[in-house]
């Protein structure tokens, strides 16, 4: 049982350190806002772990990026309250997708740890 716990710790450490490695980041996550760095590391990790899920979430990020571009083009024509509401909505959707990505990475890592338990 102790060996299984050690393996889980090793997997978690490897996972955490993978965020420190220099990788080519997909276009969807270049120039991330400071507060979203962990989200972008997670989506990059998900690309390696589960390409199918990555594609789903990349489409969601692409849609958010499109909405943000429209917001930036139109914000000068909006009153300040409307602009703030749209900005909050876009940021909230970004946080939701980031949570989904982190959950997907966790699920893949948990599944891999469960496979190790079977050994």
Protein backbone atom coordinates (compact mmCIF):
# COMPACT_ATOMS: atom_id res chain seq x y z
CA UNK A 1 0.00 0.00 0.00
CA UNK A 2 2.87 2.35 0.81
CA UNK A 3 4.32 1.62 -2.63
CA UNK A 4 1.07 2.73 -4.28
CA UNK A 5 1.14 5.99 -2.32
CA UNK A 6 4.73 6.58 -3.36
CA UNK A 7 3.77 5.99 -6.99
CA UNK A 8 0.94 8.49 -6.70
CA UNK A 9 3.30 11.08 -5.24
CA UNK A 10 5.78 10.46 -8.06
CA UNK A 11 3.04 10.87 -10.67
CA UNK A 12 1.82 14.08 -9.06
CA UNK A 13 5.36 15.49 -8.89
CA UNK A 14 5.93 14.60 -12.56
CA UNK A 15 2.66 16.24 -13.47
CA UNK A 16 3.50 19.41 -11.54
CA UNK A 17 6.99 19.60 -12.99
CA UNK A 18 5.67 19.16 -16.52
CA UNK A 19 4.23 22.65 -16.19
CA UNK A 20 7.77 23.98 -15.76
CA UNK A 21 9.07 22.43 -18.96
CA UNK A 22 9.31 24.67 -22.00
CA UNK A 23 6.80 23.54 -24.59
CA UNK A 24 5.22 24.92 -27.72
CA UNK A 25 1.96 26.40 -26.48
CA UNK A 26 -1.07 26.18 -28.78
CA UNK A 27 -2.24 29.45 -30.37
CA UNK A 28 -5.28 29.51 -28.12
CA UNK A 29 -3.08 30.08 -25.08
CA UNK A 30 -0.32 32.43 -26.26
CA UNK A 31 0.13 35.58 -24.19
CA UNK A 32 -2.08 34.45 -21.28
CA UNK A 33 -3.28 36.91 -18.65
CA UNK A 34 -1.24 36.64 -15.46
CA UNK A 35 -4.03 34.98 -13.46
CA UNK A 36 -4.65 32.28 -16.06
CA UNK A 37 -1.16 30.76 -16.32
CA UNK A 38 -2.16 27.54 -14.52
CA UNK A 39 -5.15 27.15 -16.84
CA UNK A 40 -2.90 27.37 -19.87
CA UNK A 41 -0.45 24.91 -18.39
CA UNK A 42 -3.37 22.54 -17.82
CA UNK A 43 -4.64 22.83 -21.39
CA UNK A 44 -1.12 22.18 -22.67
CA UNK A 45 -0.87 19.12 -20.42
CA UNK A 46 -4.29 17.93 -21.57
CA UNK A 47 -3.12 18.10 -25.18
CA UNK A 48 -0.56 15.41 -24.33
CA UNK A 49 -2.78 13.33 -22.05
CA UNK A 50 -6.12 13.37 -23.89
CA UNK A 51 -6.16 14.84 -27.41
CA UNK A 52 -9.92 14.36 -27.83
CA UNK A 53 -10.74 16.38 -24.70
CA UNK A 54 -8.14 18.96 -25.67
CA UNK A 55 -9.90 19.50 -29.01
CA UNK A 56 -13.24 20.03 -27.27
CA UNK A 57 -11.83 22.60 -24.85
CA UNK A 58 -9.74 24.30 -27.53
CA UNK A 59 -12.96 24.98 -29.47
CA UNK A 60 -14.46 26.50 -26.32
CA UNK A 61 -11.38 28.70 -25.84
CA UNK A 62 -11.54 29.72 -29.51
CA UNK A 63 -15.15 30.84 -29.05
CA UNK A 64 -14.23 32.82 -25.93
CA UNK A 65 -11.35 34.45 -27.82
CA UNK A 66 -13.72 35.40 -30.66
CA UNK A 67 -16.13 36.98 -28.18
CA UNK A 68 -13.29 38.87 -26.52
CA UNK A 69 -12.13 40.27 -29.89
CA UNK A 70 -15.67 41.49 -30.60
CA UNK A 71 -15.84 43.00 -27.11
CA UNK A 72 -12.55 44.87 -27.61
CA UNK A 73 -13.71 46.26 -30.95
CA UNK A 74 -17.09 47.38 -29.61
CA UNK A 75 -16.29 48.49 -26.06
CA UNK A 76 -15.66 52.11 -27.08
CA UNK A 77 -19.23 52.25 -28.44
CA UNK A 78 -20.81 50.74 -25.32
CA UNK A 79 -21.68 52.53 -22.13
CA UNK A 80 -19.39 51.62 -19.24
CA UNK A 81 -21.93 49.39 -17.48
CA UNK A 82 -22.67 47.32 -20.59
CA UNK A 83 -18.97 46.98 -21.34
CA UNK A 84 -18.30 45.83 -17.78
CA UNK A 85 -21.11 43.25 -17.92
CA UNK A 86 -19.81 41.79 -21.19
CA UNK A 87 -16.26 41.70 -19.83
CA UNK A 88 -17.44 39.91 -16.68
CA UNK A 89 -19.40 37.36 -18.74
CA UNK A 90 -16.41 36.60 -20.95
CA UNK A 91 -14.13 36.25 -17.92
CA UNK A 92 -16.66 34.01 -16.16
CA UNK A 93 -16.88 31.71 -19.18
CA UNK A 94 -13.09 31.58 -19.26
CA UNK A 95 -13.02 30.52 -15.61
CA UNK A 96 -15.65 27.83 -16.26
CA UNK A 97 -13.70 26.35 -19.17
CA UNK A 98 -10.48 26.50 -17.13
CA UNK A 99 -12.19 24.55 -14.37
CA UNK A 100 -13.34 21.95 -16.88
CA UNK A 101 -9.80 21.61 -18.24
CA UNK A 102 -8.28 21.20 -14.76
CA UNK A 103 -10.94 18.61 -13.96
CA UNK A 104 -10.21 16.71 -17.19
CA UNK A 105 -6.47 16.65 -16.38
CA UNK A 106 -7.22 15.47 -12.85
CA UNK A 107 -9.49 12.70 -14.15
CA UNK A 108 -6.86 11.45 -16.59
CA UNK A 109 -4.16 11.49 -13.90
CA UNK A 110 -6.49 9.76 -11.44
CA UNK A 111 -7.32 7.11 -14.03
CA UNK A 112 -3.61 6.51 -14.61
CA UNK A 113 -3.03 6.21 -10.86
CA UNK A 114 -5.87 3.68 -10.67
CA UNK A 115 -4.20 1.66 -13.41
CA UNK A 116 -1.05 1.59 -11.29
CA UNK A 117 -3.08 0.30 -8.35
CA UNK A 118 -4.01 -2.73 -10.44
CA UNK A 119 -0.38 -3.75 -10.89
